[in-house]
Amino acid sequence: MPEAEKLYDTQILVQTHDADQDFVKYMVSVFLTHMPGYNASLEKAAADNDWKNVHFFAHKMKASIDLFDLKILRDFIRQLDAKAKNETDTETIAADVEFVSGYIKRCIAQMKVDFEL
């Protein structure tokens, strides 16, 4: 059953590309192609206490999170990125990654339904 509330917003893409729905769908397909791998790598890095790679993948995910206006994750991913980079509050990183990963997975599922991909 699809989520009642949209987890993402394509408004930035619509505004910057003259409401070109083909382009929006293309960008969604790019998100769907790359984000699951980044997400899995982020999970693995956190499980391995590999803060360098947690930082790397959290940093890599920021642009897509911003582009699709995942409001809940916007500041959260930056905090996670900073914690991993600076190796601070490392005891909370696993829970942070679990939150990010779960949200991304739900977002991916919603996009697949919404865009029939």
N, C-alpha and C. Protein backbone atom coordinates (compact mmCIF):
# COMPACT_ATOMS: atom_id res chain seq x y z
N MET A 1 0.83 -1.19 0.00
CA MET A 1 0.00 0.00 0.00
C MET A 1 0.87 1.24 0.00
N PRO A 2 0.68 2.16 -0.94
CA PRO A 2 1.51 3.36 -1.01
C PRO A 2 1.33 4.25 0.22
N GLU A 3 2.36 5.00 0.54
CA GLU A 3 2.30 5.93 1.66
C GLU A 3 1.33 7.05 1.34
N ALA A 4 0.61 7.51 2.36
CA ALA A 4 -0.36 8.58 2.16
C ALA A 4 0.35 9.91 1.87
N GLU A 5 1.46 10.12 2.52
CA GLU A 5 2.20 11.37 2.38
C GLU A 5 3.39 11.18 1.44
N LYS A 6 3.61 12.17 0.59
CA LYS A 6 4.78 12.13 -0.31
C LYS A 6 6.05 12.26 0.52
N LEU A 7 6.98 11.37 0.25
CA LEU A 7 8.26 11.39 0.96
C LEU A 7 9.28 12.24 0.23
N TYR A 8 8.97 12.64 -0.99
CA TYR A 8 9.89 13.41 -1.83
C TYR A 8 9.07 14.45 -2.58
N ASP A 9 9.78 15.37 -3.22
CA ASP A 9 9.11 16.42 -3.99
C ASP A 9 9.96 16.69 -5.24
N THR A 10 9.33 16.70 -6.39
CA THR A 10 10.05 16.95 -7.65
C THR A 10 9.96 18.42 -8.07
N GLN A 11 9.45 19.27 -7.21
CA GLN A 11 9.22 20.68 -7.56
C GLN A 11 10.50 21.39 -8.02
N ILE A 12 11.62 21.09 -7.41
CA ILE A 12 12.88 21.74 -7.81
C ILE A 12 13.19 21.40 -9.26
N LEU A 13 13.04 20.15 -9.63
CA LEU A 13 13.29 19.73 -11.01
C LEU A 13 12.29 20.37 -11.97
N VAL A 14 11.04 20.42 -11.57
CA VAL A 14 10.00 21.01 -12.40
C VAL A 14 10.31 22.49 -12.65
N GLN A 15 10.69 23.19 -11.60
CA GLN A 15 10.97 24.64 -11.71
C GLN A 15 12.22 24.92 -12.53
N THR A 16 13.23 24.11 -12.37
CA THR A 16 14.50 24.39 -13.07
C THR A 16 14.53 23.87 -14.49
N HIS A 17 13.57 23.02 -14.85
CA HIS A 17 13.57 22.44 -16.20
C HIS A 17 12.23 22.61 -16.91
N ASP A 18 11.60 23.74 -16.65
CA ASP A 18 10.37 24.12 -17.35
C ASP A 18 9.32 23.02 -17.37
N ALA A 19 9.14 22.37 -16.23
CA ALA A 19 8.10 21.34 -16.07
C ALA A 19 8.23 20.20 -17.07
N ASP A 20 9.44 19.90 -17.49
CA ASP A 20 9.68 18.81 -18.44
C ASP A 20 9.55 17.47 -17.71
N GLN A 21 8.41 16.83 -17.86
CA GLN A 21 8.12 15.59 -17.14
C GLN A 21 9.02 14.44 -17.57
N ASP A 22 9.47 14.46 -18.82
CA ASP A 22 10.40 13.42 -19.27
C ASP A 22 11.72 13.53 -18.52
N PHE A 23 12.17 14.76 -18.32
CA PHE A 23 13.42 14.97 -17.58
C PHE A 23 13.24 14.56 -16.12
N VAL A 24 12.11 14.91 -15.53
CA VAL A 24 11.84 14.54 -14.15
C VAL A 24 11.87 13.02 -14.02
N LYS A 25 11.22 12.34 -14.93
CA LYS A 25 11.19 10.87 -14.89
C LYS A 25 12.60 10.30 -15.07
N TYR A 26 13.38 10.91 -15.94
CA TYR A 26 14.77 10.47 -16.13
C TYR A 26 15.56 10.62 -14.83
N MET A 27 15.41 11.77 -14.16
CA MET A 27 16.15 12.00 -12.91
C MET A 27 15.69 11.03 -11.82
N VAL A 28 14.41 10.71 -11.80
CA VAL A 28 13.92 9.71 -10.86
C VAL A 28 14.58 8.37 -11.16
N SER A 29 14.69 8.03 -12.44
CA SER A 29 15.31 6.74 -12.80
C SER A 29 16.79 6.72 -12.40
N VAL A 30 17.46 7.85 -12.50
CA VAL A 30 18.86 7.93 -12.05
C VAL A 30 18.93 7.72 -10.53
N PHE A 31 18.03 8.37 -9.81
CA PHE A 31 17.95 8.20 -8.36
C PHE A 31 17.73 6.72 -8.03
N LEU A 32 16.79 6.09 -8.72
CA LEU A 32 16.46 4.69 -8.46
C LEU A 32 17.59 3.74 -8.85
N THR A 33 18.42 4.15 -9.78
CA THR A 33 19.55 3.33 -10.21
C THR A 33 20.69 3.39 -9.19
N HIS A 34 20.99 4.56 -8.68
CA HIS A 34 22.18 4.75 -7.84
C HIS A 34 21.93 4.70 -6.34
N MET A 35 20.79 5.22 -5.90
CA MET A 35 20.57 5.35 -4.46
C MET A 35 20.52 4.02 -3.72
N PRO A 36 19.93 2.96 -4.26
CA PRO A 36 19.96 1.70 -3.50
C PRO A 36 21.39 1.21 -3.21
N GLY A 37 22.29 1.36 -4.14
CA GLY A 37 23.67 0.96 -3.92
C GLY A 37 24.37 1.82 -2.89
N TYR A 38 24.15 3.13 -2.97
CA TYR A 38 24.73 4.03 -1.96
C TYR A 38 24.18 3.70 -0.58
N ASN A 39 22.89 3.44 -0.54
CA ASN A 39 22.23 3.12 0.72
C ASN A 39 22.79 1.83 1.31
N ALA A 40 22.95 0.80 0.50
CA ALA A 40 23.50 -0.46 0.97
C ALA A 40 24.95 -0.29 1.44
N SER A 41 25.71 0.50 0.72
CA SER A 41 27.10 0.76 1.11
C SER A 41 27.18 1.54 2.41
N LEU A 42 26.25 2.48 2.60
CA LEU A 42 26.18 3.24 3.84
C LEU A 42 25.88 2.30 5.01
N GLU A 43 24.92 1.40 4.81
CA GLU A 43 24.57 0.42 5.85
C GLU A 43 25.78 -0.46 6.20
N LYS A 44 26.47 -0.95 5.19
CA LYS A 44 27.62 -1.82 5.41
C LYS A 44 28.74 -1.08 6.15
N ALA A 45 29.00 0.15 5.73
CA ALA A 45 30.04 0.94 6.38
C ALA A 45 29.71 1.16 7.86
N ALA A 46 28.46 1.44 8.15
CA ALA A 46 28.06 1.65 9.55
C ALA A 46 28.20 0.35 10.34
N ALA A 47 27.79 -0.76 9.75
CA ALA A 47 27.90 -2.07 10.42
C ALA A 47 29.36 -2.42 10.72
N ASP A 48 30.26 -1.96 9.84
CA ASP A 48 31.69 -2.23 9.98
C ASP A 48 32.42 -1.17 10.81
N ASN A 49 31.67 -0.19 11.33
CA ASN A 49 32.28 0.96 12.04
C ASN A 49 33.33 1.64 11.17
N ASP A 50 33.06 1.70 9.90
CA ASP A 50 33.97 2.31 8.91
C ASP A 50 33.52 3.75 8.69
N TRP A 51 33.96 4.63 9.58
CA TRP A 51 33.47 6.01 9.58
C TRP A 51 33.86 6.75 8.31
N LYS A 52 35.01 6.41 7.75
CA LYS A 52 35.45 7.07 6.51
C LYS A 52 34.42 6.82 5.40
N ASN A 53 33.96 5.58 5.27
CA ASN A 53 32.99 5.28 4.22
C ASN A 53 31.57 5.71 4.59
N VAL A 54 31.24 5.75 5.87
CA VAL A 54 29.95 6.34 6.26
C VAL A 54 29.94 7.79 5.79
N HIS A 55 31.02 8.50 6.06
CA HIS A 55 31.15 9.89 5.60
C HIS A 55 31.05 9.96 4.08
N PHE A 56 31.79 9.11 3.39
CA PHE A 56 31.82 9.13 1.93
C PHE A 56 30.41 8.95 1.34
N PHE A 57 29.69 7.94 1.80
CA PHE A 57 28.37 7.66 1.21
C PHE A 57 27.31 8.66 1.68
N ALA A 58 27.38 9.10 2.92
CA ALA A 58 26.44 10.13 3.38
C ALA A 58 26.65 11.40 2.56
N HIS A 59 27.90 11.76 2.33
CA HIS A 59 28.22 12.94 1.54
C HIS A 59 27.70 12.78 0.10
N LYS A 60 27.87 11.61 -0.47
CA LYS A 60 27.44 11.33 -1.84
C LYS A 60 25.92 11.41 -1.98
N MET A 61 25.20 11.07 -0.92
CA MET A 61 23.74 11.04 -0.96
C MET A 61 23.11 12.43 -0.80
N LYS A 62 23.86 13.39 -0.28
CA LYS A 62 23.31 14.72 0.02
C LYS A 62 22.68 15.40 -1.18
N ALA A 63 23.33 15.37 -2.32
CA ALA A 63 22.82 16.07 -3.50
C ALA A 63 21.46 15.52 -3.94
N SER A 64 21.32 14.21 -3.93
CA SER A 64 20.05 13.60 -4.32
C SER A 64 18.96 13.90 -3.29
N ILE A 65 19.33 13.88 -2.02
CA ILE A 65 18.39 14.21 -0.96
C ILE A 65 17.89 15.64 -1.13
N ASP A 66 18.79 16.54 -1.49
CA ASP A 66 18.40 17.93 -1.73
C ASP A 66 17.56 18.07 -3.00
N LEU A 67 17.99 17.41 -4.06
CA LEU A 67 17.32 17.53 -5.35
C LEU A 67 15.86 17.07 -5.27
N PHE A 68 15.61 16.00 -4.51
CA PHE A 68 14.26 15.49 -4.38
C PHE A 68 13.60 15.96 -3.08
N ASP A 69 14.19 16.97 -2.47
CA ASP A 69 13.64 17.66 -1.32
C ASP A 69 13.12 16.70 -0.24
N LEU A 70 13.99 15.79 0.15
CA LEU A 70 13.64 14.88 1.24
C LEU A 70 13.86 15.64 2.55
N LYS A 71 12.89 16.48 2.86
CA LYS A 71 13.02 17.44 3.96
C LYS A 71 13.49 16.82 5.27
N ILE A 72 12.94 15.68 5.60
CA ILE A 72 13.28 15.02 6.87
C ILE A 72 14.77 14.67 6.91
N LEU A 73 15.34 14.36 5.75
CA LEU A 73 16.74 13.91 5.73
C LEU A 73 17.74 15.03 5.47
N ARG A 74 17.27 16.18 5.01
CA ARG A 74 18.20 17.24 4.58
C ARG A 74 19.23 17.58 5.66
N ASP A 75 18.80 17.96 6.83
CA ASP A 75 19.75 18.30 7.90
C ASP A 75 20.33 17.04 8.53
N PHE A 76 19.51 16.01 8.60
CA PHE A 76 19.93 14.76 9.24
C PHE A 76 21.14 14.15 8.54
N ILE A 77 21.14 14.11 7.22
CA ILE A 77 22.26 13.51 6.47
C ILE A 77 23.53 14.33 6.67
N ARG A 78 23.38 15.63 6.79
CA ARG A 78 24.55 16.50 7.03
C ARG A 78 25.14 16.26 8.41
N GLN A 79 24.28 16.05 9.39
CA GLN A 79 24.76 15.75 10.74
C GLN A 79 25.46 14.39 10.76
N LEU A 80 24.88 13.42 10.07
CA LEU A 80 25.49 12.10 9.98
C LEU A 80 26.85 12.19 9.28
N ASP A 81 26.90 12.92 8.20
CA ASP A 81 28.14 13.14 7.45
C ASP A 81 29.22 13.73 8.37
N ALA A 82 28.85 14.75 9.13
CA ALA A 82 29.80 15.42 10.02
C ALA A 82 30.27 14.49 11.15
N LYS A 83 29.33 13.74 11.73
CA LYS A 83 29.71 12.79 12.80
C LYS A 83 30.73 11.79 12.29
N ALA A 84 30.47 11.23 11.12
CA ALA A 84 31.37 10.22 10.57
C ALA A 84 32.72 10.84 10.20
N LYS A 85 32.68 12.00 9.58
CA LYS A 85 33.92 12.66 9.16
C LYS A 85 34.81 12.98 10.37
N ASN A 86 34.18 13.48 11.42
CA ASN A 86 34.92 13.90 12.61
C ASN A 86 35.03 12.80 13.66
N GLU A 87 34.40 11.66 13.38
CA GLU A 87 34.37 10.54 14.31
C GLU A 87 33.90 10.97 15.69
N THR A 88 32.77 11.69 15.70
CA THR A 88 32.14 12.12 16.95
C THR A 88 30.79 11.44 17.08
N ASP A 89 30.36 11.22 18.29
CA ASP A 89 29.07 10.55 18.56
C ASP A 89 28.93 9.27 17.75
N THR A 90 30.00 8.53 17.61
CA THR A 90 29.98 7.33 16.77
C THR A 90 29.01 6.28 17.30
N GLU A 91 28.69 6.34 18.60
CA GLU A 91 27.75 5.36 19.15
C GLU A 91 26.32 5.57 18.62
N THR A 92 26.04 6.72 18.02
CA THR A 92 24.70 7.00 17.48
C THR A 92 24.63 6.79 15.96
N ILE A 93 25.75 6.57 15.33
CA ILE A 93 25.79 6.49 13.86
C ILE A 93 24.96 5.32 13.33
N ALA A 94 25.03 4.17 13.95
CA ALA A 94 24.27 3.02 13.45
C ALA A 94 22.77 3.31 13.43
N ALA A 95 22.26 3.92 14.49
CA ALA A 95 20.83 4.26 14.54
C ALA A 95 20.50 5.34 13.51
N ASP A 96 21.39 6.29 13.32
CA ASP A 96 21.19 7.34 12.31
C ASP A 96 21.12 6.74 10.91
N VAL A 97 22.03 5.83 10.64
CA VAL A 97 22.06 5.17 9.33
C VAL A 97 20.79 4.35 9.13
N GLU A 98 20.35 3.68 10.16
CA GLU A 98 19.12 2.89 10.07
C GLU A 98 17.93 3.79 9.70
N PHE A 99 17.86 4.97 10.32
CA PHE A 99 16.78 5.92 10.02
C PHE A 99 16.86 6.38 8.56
N VAL A 100 18.05 6.81 8.14
CA VAL A 100 18.25 7.28 6.76
C VAL A 100 17.91 6.17 5.78
N SER A 101 18.43 5.00 6.03
CA SER A 101 18.25 3.87 5.12
C SER A 101 16.77 3.50 4.99
N GLY A 102 16.06 3.45 6.10
CA GLY A 102 14.65 3.12 6.05
C GLY A 102 13.85 4.14 5.27
N TYR A 103 14.17 5.41 5.48
CA TYR A 103 13.47 6.47 4.76
C TYR A 103 13.76 6.39 3.26
N ILE A 104 15.01 6.18 2.91
CA ILE A 104 15.40 6.07 1.50
C ILE A 104 14.68 4.88 0.85
N LYS A 105 14.62 3.75 1.54
CA LYS A 105 13.94 2.57 0.99
C LYS A 105 12.46 2.84 0.74
N ARG A 106 11.81 3.51 1.68
CA ARG A 106 10.40 3.85 1.49
C ARG A 106 10.21 4.84 0.34
N CYS A 107 11.13 5.78 0.24
CA CYS A 107 11.09 6.76 -0.85
C CYS A 107 11.25 6.07 -2.21
N ILE A 108 12.20 5.16 -2.29
CA ILE A 108 12.43 4.41 -3.53
C ILE A 108 11.17 3.65 -3.93
N ALA A 109 10.56 2.97 -2.97
CA ALA A 109 9.33 2.21 -3.25
C ALA A 109 8.23 3.14 -3.75
N GLN A 110 8.11 4.31 -3.12
CA GLN A 110 7.08 5.26 -3.52
C GLN A 110 7.33 5.80 -4.92
N MET A 111 8.58 6.12 -5.23
CA MET A 111 8.92 6.62 -6.57
C MET A 111 8.63 5.58 -7.65
N LYS A 112 8.95 4.32 -7.37
CA LYS A 112 8.71 3.26 -8.33
C LYS A 112 7.22 3.17 -8.68
N VAL A 113 6.38 3.30 -7.69
CA VAL A 113 4.93 3.26 -7.92
C VAL A 113 4.49 4.52 -8.65
N ASP A 114 4.91 5.67 -8.15
CA ASP A 114 4.46 6.95 -8.72
C ASP A 114 4.87 7.13 -10.17
N PHE A 115 6.06 6.64 -10.51
CA PHE A 115 6.58 6.84 -11.87
C PHE A 115 6.52 5.56 -12.71
N GLU A 116 5.90 4.54 -12.16
CA GLU A 116 5.73 3.26 -12.86
C GLU A 116 7.05 2.72 -13.40
N LEU A 117 8.06 2.72 -12.53
CA LEU A 117 9.40 2.25 -12.91
C LEU A 117 9.74 0.97 -12.17
